[in-house]
Amino acid sequence: MKKNMGSADRIIRIIIAAIVGVLYLTGIISGTLGLVLLVLAVIFVLTSLISFCPLYAPFGISSCSLKKNK
């Protein structure tokens, strides 16, 4: 898998996942919506750890900075 997520994208996903986790644990979000958001938060963390988003691949999206060789 080729990395397609930059550091800003990874940080934003981890922050969103942390917020959703805190909201779920404090009971602010619950029920089906809470579980769906919690699963989405776990996916955000996993994709951030491996720096690869499967949804970016089919569309050719990449938030990685490109390093040009001279």
PDB file of N, CA and C in Angstrom:
ATOM      1  N   MET A   1       0.832  -1.177   0.000  1.00  0.00           N
ATOM      2  CA  MET A   1       0.000   0.000   0.000  1.00  0.00           C
ATOM      3  C   MET A   1       0.882   1.249   0.000  1.00  0.00           C
ATOM      4  N   LYS A   2       0.588   2.104  -0.919  1.00  0.00           N
ATOM      5  CA  LYS A   2       1.310   3.360  -1.009  1.00  0.00           C
ATOM      6  C   LYS A   2       0.624   4.379  -0.102  1.00  0.00           C
ATOM      7  N   LYS A   3       1.394   5.107   0.676  1.00  0.00           N
ATOM      8  CA  LYS A   3       0.824   6.104   1.576  1.00  0.00           C
ATOM      9  C   LYS A   3       0.111   7.187   0.769  1.00  0.00           C
ATOM     10  N   ASN A   4      -1.095   7.549   1.217  1.00  0.00           N
ATOM     11  CA  ASN A   4      -1.826   8.606   0.534  1.00  0.00           C
ATOM     12  C   ASN A   4      -2.420   9.624   1.513  1.00  0.00           C
ATOM     13  N   MET A   5      -1.921   9.638   2.733  1.00  0.00           N
ATOM     14  CA  MET A   5      -2.395  10.592   3.740  1.00  0.00           C
ATOM     15  C   MET A   5      -1.217  11.385   4.295  1.00  0.00           C
ATOM     16  N   GLY A   6      -1.366  12.685   4.302  1.00  0.00           N
ATOM     17  CA  GLY A   6      -0.350  13.553   4.868  1.00  0.00           C
ATOM     18  C   GLY A   6      -0.521  13.687   6.371  1.00  0.00           C
ATOM     19  N   SER A   7       0.410  14.366   7.006  1.00  0.00           N
ATOM     20  CA  SER A   7       0.377  14.486   8.463  1.00  0.00           C
ATOM     21  C   SER A   7      -0.801  15.320   8.953  1.00  0.00           C
ATOM     22  N   ALA A   8      -1.174  16.355   8.222  1.00  0.00           N
ATOM     23  CA  ALA A   8      -2.327  17.171   8.639  1.00  0.00           C
ATOM     24  C   ALA A   8      -3.609  16.342   8.607  1.00  0.00           C
ATOM     25  N   ASP A   9      -3.781  15.551   7.571  1.00  0.00           N
ATOM     26  CA  ASP A   9      -4.951  14.683   7.443  1.00  0.00           C
ATOM     27  C   ASP A   9      -4.999  13.675   8.592  1.00  0.00           C
ATOM     28  N   ARG A  10      -3.848  13.098   8.921  1.00  0.00           N
ATOM     29  CA  ARG A  10      -3.784  12.117  10.003  1.00  0.00           C
ATOM     30  C   ARG A  10      -4.119  12.755  11.347  1.00  0.00           C
ATOM     31  N   ILE A  11      -3.598  13.939  11.609  1.00  0.00           N
ATOM     32  CA  ILE A  11      -3.847  14.621  12.879  1.00  0.00           C
ATOM     33  C   ILE A  11      -5.328  14.979  13.018  1.00  0.00           C
ATOM     34  N   ILE A  12      -5.917  15.476  11.939  1.00  0.00           N
ATOM     35  CA  ILE A  12      -7.338  15.834  11.974  1.00  0.00           C
ATOM     36  C   ILE A  12      -8.193  14.605  12.258  1.00  0.00           C
ATOM     37  N   ARG A  13      -7.880  13.472  11.630  1.00  0.00           N
ATOM     38  CA  ARG A  13      -8.648  12.253  11.859  1.00  0.00           C
ATOM     39  C   ARG A  13      -8.519  11.770  13.306  1.00  0.00           C
ATOM     40  N   ILE A  14      -7.326  11.855  13.870  1.00  0.00           N
ATOM     41  CA  ILE A  14      -7.133  11.420  15.255  1.00  0.00           C
ATOM     42  C   ILE A  14      -7.886  12.335  16.217  1.00  0.00           C
ATOM     43  N   ILE A  15      -7.885  13.636  15.955  1.00  0.00           N
ATOM     44  CA  ILE A  15      -8.619  14.576  16.808  1.00  0.00           C
ATOM     45  C   ILE A  15     -10.119  14.290  16.745  1.00  0.00           C
ATOM     46  N   ILE A  16     -10.640  14.074  15.541  1.00  0.00           N
ATOM     47  CA  ILE A  16     -12.066  13.765  15.395  1.00  0.00           C
ATOM     48  C   ILE A  16     -12.410  12.464  16.115  1.00  0.00           C
ATOM     49  N   ALA A  17     -11.548  11.457  15.979  1.00  0.00           N
ATOM     50  CA  ALA A  17     -11.786  10.175  16.644  1.00  0.00           C
ATOM     51  C   ALA A  17     -11.772  10.342  18.164  1.00  0.00           C
ATOM     52  N   ALA A  18     -10.860  11.153  18.678  1.00  0.00           N
ATOM     53  CA  ALA A  18     -10.793  11.378  20.126  1.00  0.00           C
ATOM     54  C   ALA A  18     -12.046  12.091  20.624  1.00  0.00           C
ATOM     55  N   ILE A  19     -12.516  13.071  19.871  1.00  0.00           N
ATOM     56  CA  ILE A  19     -13.731  13.799  20.262  1.00  0.00           C
ATOM     57  C   ILE A  19     -14.929  12.858  20.280  1.00  0.00           C
ATOM     58  N   VAL A  20     -15.067  12.035  19.248  1.00  0.00           N
ATOM     59  CA  VAL A  20     -16.180  11.088  19.190  1.00  0.00           C
ATOM     60  C   VAL A  20     -16.085  10.090  20.340  1.00  0.00           C
ATOM     61  N   GLY A  21     -14.880   9.618  20.637  1.00  0.00           N
ATOM     62  CA  GLY A  21     -14.704   8.684  21.750  1.00  0.00           C
ATOM     63  C   GLY A  21     -15.111   9.290  23.078  1.00  0.00           C
ATOM     64  N   VAL A  22     -14.703  10.516  23.327  1.00  0.00           N
ATOM     65  CA  VAL A  22     -15.067  11.198  24.581  1.00  0.00           C
ATOM     66  C   VAL A  22     -16.572  11.415  24.651  1.00  0.00           C
ATOM     67  N   LEU A  23     -17.188  11.849  23.557  1.00  0.00           N
ATOM     68  CA  LEU A  23     -18.634  12.065  23.543  1.00  0.00           C
ATOM     69  C   LEU A  23     -19.397  10.764  23.797  1.00  0.00           C
ATOM     70  N   TYR A  24     -18.890   9.663  23.249  1.00  0.00           N
ATOM     71  CA  TYR A  24     -19.550   8.371  23.469  1.00  0.00           C
ATOM     72  C   TYR A  24     -19.390   7.912  24.918  1.00  0.00           C
ATOM     73  N   LEU A  25     -18.194   8.047  25.442  1.00  0.00           N
ATOM     74  CA  LEU A  25     -17.944   7.585  26.810  1.00  0.00           C
ATOM     75  C   LEU A  25     -18.669   8.424  27.864  1.00  0.00           C
ATOM     76  N   THR A  26     -18.905   9.686  27.572  1.00  0.00           N
ATOM     77  CA  THR A  26     -19.627  10.542  28.518  1.00  0.00           C
ATOM     78  C   THR A  26     -21.136  10.431  28.351  1.00  0.00           C
ATOM     79  N   GLY A  27     -21.584   9.715  27.335  1.00  0.00           N
ATOM     80  CA  GLY A  27     -23.007   9.495  27.143  1.00  0.00           C
ATOM     81  C   GLY A  27     -23.716  10.588  26.371  1.00  0.00           C
ATOM     82  N   ILE A  28     -22.985  11.515  25.809  1.00  0.00           N
ATOM     83  CA  ILE A  28     -23.611  12.592  25.039  1.00  0.00           C
ATOM     84  C   ILE A  28     -24.185  12.040  23.737  1.00  0.00           C
ATOM     85  N   ILE A  29     -23.445  11.135  23.096  1.00  0.00           N
ATOM     86  CA  ILE A  29     -24.000  10.423  21.951  1.00  0.00           C
ATOM     87  C   ILE A  29     -24.161   8.963  22.357  1.00  0.00           C
ATOM     88  N   SER A  30     -25.272   8.372  21.971  1.00  0.00           N
ATOM     89  CA  SER A  30     -25.524   6.987  22.356  1.00  0.00           C
ATOM     90  C   SER A  30     -26.420   6.324  21.321  1.00  0.00           C
ATOM     91  N   GLY A  31     -26.752   5.101  21.561  1.00  0.00           N
ATOM     92  CA  GLY A  31     -27.627   4.359  20.660  1.00  0.00           C
ATOM     93  C   GLY A  31     -26.933   3.994  19.366  1.00  0.00           C
ATOM     94  N   THR A  32     -27.728   3.828  18.334  1.00  0.00           N
ATOM     95  CA  THR A  32     -27.203   3.422  17.031  1.00  0.00           C
ATOM     96  C   THR A  32     -26.254   4.470  16.454  1.00  0.00           C
ATOM     97  N   LEU A  33     -26.639   5.733  16.576  1.00  0.00           N
ATOM     98  CA  LEU A  33     -25.771   6.806  16.077  1.00  0.00           C
ATOM     99  C   LEU A  33     -24.424   6.783  16.794  1.00  0.00           C
ATOM    100  N   GLY A  34     -24.432   6.568  18.087  1.00  0.00           N
ATOM    101  CA  GLY A  34     -23.193   6.509  18.853  1.00  0.00           C
ATOM    102  C   GLY A  34     -22.300   5.372  18.408  1.00  0.00           C
ATOM    103  N   LEU A  35     -22.899   4.205  18.165  1.00  0.00           N
ATOM    104  CA  LEU A  35     -22.109   3.051  17.722  1.00  0.00           C
ATOM    105  C   LEU A  35     -21.540   3.262  16.322  1.00  0.00           C
ATOM    106  N   VAL A  36     -22.340   3.844  15.442  1.00  0.00           N
ATOM    107  CA  VAL A  36     -21.852   4.112  14.085  1.00  0.00           C
ATOM    108  C   VAL A  36     -20.691   5.096  14.129  1.00  0.00           C
ATOM    109  N   LEU A  37     -20.818   6.156  14.928  1.00  0.00           N
ATOM    110  CA  LEU A  37     -19.743   7.134  15.039  1.00  0.00           C
ATOM    111  C   LEU A  37     -18.512   6.538  15.710  1.00  0.00           C
ATOM    112  N   LEU A  38     -18.719   5.635  16.658  1.00  0.00           N
ATOM    113  CA  LEU A  38     -17.592   4.982  17.319  1.00  0.00           C
ATOM    114  C   LEU A  38     -16.826   4.081  16.341  1.00  0.00           C
ATOM    115  N   VAL A  39     -17.544   3.347  15.520  1.00  0.00           N
ATOM    116  CA  VAL A  39     -16.899   2.514  14.499  1.00  0.00           C
ATOM    117  C   VAL A  39     -16.141   3.396  13.508  1.00  0.00           C
ATOM    118  N   LEU A  40     -16.742   4.505  13.110  1.00  0.00           N
ATOM    119  CA  LEU A  40     -16.074   5.441  12.212  1.00  0.00           C
ATOM    120  C   LEU A  40     -14.806   6.009  12.861  1.00  0.00           C
ATOM    121  N   ALA A  41     -14.861   6.281  14.157  1.00  0.00           N
ATOM    122  CA  ALA A  41     -13.688   6.793  14.876  1.00  0.00           C
ATOM    123  C   ALA A  41     -12.570   5.753  14.886  1.00  0.00           C
ATOM    124  N   VAL A  42     -12.915   4.496  15.084  1.00  0.00           N
ATOM    125  CA  VAL A  42     -11.905   3.430  15.072  1.00  0.00           C
ATOM    126  C   VAL A  42     -11.270   3.329  13.684  1.00  0.00           C
ATOM    127  N   ILE A  43     -12.088   3.430  12.650  1.00  0.00           N
ATOM    128  CA  ILE A  43     -11.561   3.394  11.277  1.00  0.00           C
ATOM    129  C   ILE A  43     -10.634   4.584  11.035  1.00  0.00           C
ATOM    130  N   PHE A  44     -11.015   5.762  11.539  1.00  0.00           N
ATOM    131  CA  PHE A  44     -10.152   6.943  11.403  1.00  0.00           C
ATOM    132  C   PHE A  44      -8.790   6.710  12.052  1.00  0.00           C
ATOM    133  N   VAL A  45      -8.789   6.132  13.239  1.00  0.00           N
ATOM    134  CA  VAL A  45      -7.524   5.886  13.942  1.00  0.00           C
ATOM    135  C   VAL A  45      -6.680   4.869  13.177  1.00  0.00           C
ATOM    136  N   LEU A  46      -7.301   3.793  12.715  1.00  0.00           N
ATOM    137  CA  LEU A  46      -6.546   2.766  11.988  1.00  0.00           C
ATOM    138  C   LEU A  46      -5.955   3.319  10.687  1.00  0.00           C
ATOM    139  N   THR A  47      -6.747   4.068   9.939  1.00  0.00           N
ATOM    140  CA  THR A  47      -6.215   4.625   8.693  1.00  0.00           C
ATOM    141  C   THR A  47      -5.133   5.668   8.971  1.00  0.00           C
ATOM    142  N   SER A  48      -5.240   6.358  10.087  1.00  0.00           N
ATOM    143  CA  SER A  48      -4.198   7.326  10.442  1.00  0.00           C
ATOM    144  C   SER A  48      -2.893   6.630  10.805  1.00  0.00           C
ATOM    145  N   LEU A  49      -2.995   5.498  11.473  1.00  0.00           N
ATOM    146  CA  LEU A  49      -1.795   4.776  11.878  1.00  0.00           C
ATOM    147  C   LEU A  49      -1.036   4.195  10.687  1.00  0.00           C
ATOM    148  N   ILE A  50      -1.761   3.757   9.663  1.00  0.00           N
ATOM    149  CA  ILE A  50      -1.090   3.171   8.506  1.00  0.00           C
ATOM    150  C   ILE A  50      -0.892   4.171   7.367  1.00  0.00           C
ATOM    151  N   SER A  51      -1.393   5.386   7.524  1.00  0.00           N
ATOM    152  CA  SER A  51      -1.249   6.464   6.532  1.00  0.00           C
ATOM    153  C   SER A  51      -1.832   6.098   5.172  1.00  0.00           C
ATOM    154  N   PHE A  52      -2.884   5.313   5.174  1.00  0.00           N
ATOM    155  CA  PHE A  52      -3.517   4.910   3.929  1.00  0.00           C
ATOM    156  C   PHE A  52      -5.024   4.931   4.097  1.00  0.00           C
ATOM    157  N   CYS A  53      -5.702   5.637   3.214  1.00  0.00           N
ATOM    158  CA  CYS A  53      -7.160   5.687   3.218  1.00  0.00           C
ATOM    159  C   CYS A  53      -7.662   4.946   1.984  1.00  0.00           C
ATOM    160  N   PRO A  54      -8.393   3.841   2.172  1.00  0.00           N
ATOM    161  CA  PRO A  54      -8.881   3.079   1.024  1.00  0.00           C
ATOM    162  C   PRO A  54      -9.846   3.867   0.135  1.00  0.00           C
ATOM    163  N   LEU A  55     -10.541   4.842   0.685  1.00  0.00           N
ATOM    164  CA  LEU A  55     -11.463   5.643  -0.125  1.00  0.00           C
ATOM    165  C   LEU A  55     -10.728   6.631  -1.028  1.00  0.00           C
ATOM    166  N   TYR A  56      -9.512   6.994  -0.679  1.00  0.00           N
ATOM    167  CA  TYR A  56      -8.731   7.910  -1.508  1.00  0.00           C
ATOM    168  C   TYR A  56      -8.214   7.201  -2.770  1.00  0.00           C
ATOM    169  N   ALA A  57      -7.897   5.925  -2.669  1.00  0.00           N
ATOM    170  CA  ALA A  57      -7.244   5.188  -3.751  1.00  0.00           C
ATOM    171  C   ALA A  57      -8.032   5.186  -5.064  1.00  0.00           C
ATOM    172  N   PRO A  58      -9.322   4.827  -5.088  1.00  0.00           N
ATOM    173  CA  PRO A  58     -10.028   4.782  -6.376  1.00  0.00           C
ATOM    174  C   PRO A  58     -10.129   6.146  -7.068  1.00  0.00           C
ATOM    175  N   PHE A  59     -10.104   7.214  -6.284  1.00  0.00           N
ATOM    176  CA  PHE A  59     -10.242   8.551  -6.845  1.00  0.00           C
ATOM    177  C   PHE A  59      -8.892   9.223  -7.107  1.00  0.00           C
ATOM    178  N   GLY A  60      -7.809   8.561  -6.732  1.00  0.00           N
ATOM    179  CA  GLY A  60      -6.474   9.115  -6.957  1.00  0.00           C
ATOM    180  C   GLY A  60      -6.148  10.298  -6.064  1.00  0.00           C
ATOM    181  N   ILE A  61      -6.818  10.388  -4.920  1.00  0.00           N
ATOM    182  CA  ILE A  61      -6.588  11.489  -3.995  1.00  0.00           C
ATOM    183  C   ILE A  61      -5.394  11.158  -3.101  1.00  0.00           C
ATOM    184  N   SER A  62      -4.574  12.158  -2.847  1.00  0.00           N
ATOM    185  CA  SER A  62      -3.443  11.986  -1.949  1.00  0.00           C
ATOM    186  C   SER A  62      -3.192  13.306  -1.236  1.00  0.00           C
ATOM    187  N   SER A  63      -3.105  13.248   0.086  1.00  0.00           N
ATOM    188  CA  SER A  63      -2.804  14.457   0.848  1.00  0.00           C
ATOM    189  C   SER A  63      -1.348  14.478   1.318  1.00  0.00           C
ATOM    190  N   CYS A  64      -0.556  13.530   0.795  1.00  0.00           N
ATOM    191  CA  CYS A  64       0.879  13.508   1.106  1.00  0.00           C
ATOM    192  C   CYS A  64       1.586  14.606   0.336  1.00  0.00           C
ATOM    193  N   SER A  65       2.585  15.155   0.968  1.00  0.00           N
ATOM    194  CA  SER A  65       3.398  16.129   0.252  1.00  0.00           C
ATOM    195  C   SER A  65       4.336  15.374  -0.680  1.00  0.00           C
ATOM    196  N   LEU A  66       4.494  15.908  -1.859  1.00  0.00           N
ATOM    197  CA  LEU A  66       5.342  15.266  -2.842  1.00  0.00           C
ATOM    198  C   LEU A  66       6.762  15.772  -2.725  1.00  0.00           C
ATOM    199  N   LYS A  67       7.702  14.855  -2.659  1.00  0.00           N
ATOM    200  CA  LYS A  67       9.112  15.231  -2.603  1.00  0.00           C
ATOM    201  C   LYS A  67       9.689  15.083  -3.999  1.00  0.00           C
ATOM    202  N   LYS A  68      10.221  16.171  -4.523  1.00  0.00           N
ATOM    203  CA  LYS A  68      10.795  16.135  -5.859  1.00  0.00           C
ATOM    204  C   LYS A  68      12.282  15.867  -5.771  1.00  0.00           C
ATOM    205  N   ASN A  69      12.724  14.931  -6.580  1.00  0.00           N
ATOM    206  CA  ASN A  69      14.154  14.598  -6.648  1.00  0.00           C
ATOM    207  C   ASN A  69      14.827  15.528  -7.638  1.00  0.00           C
ATOM    208  N   LYS A  70      15.975  16.055  -7.249  1.00  0.00           N
ATOM    209  CA  LYS A  70      16.722  16.945  -8.145  1.00  0.00           C
ATOM    210  C   LYS A  70      17.893  16.228  -8.751  1.00  0.00           C
TER     211      LYS A  70
END
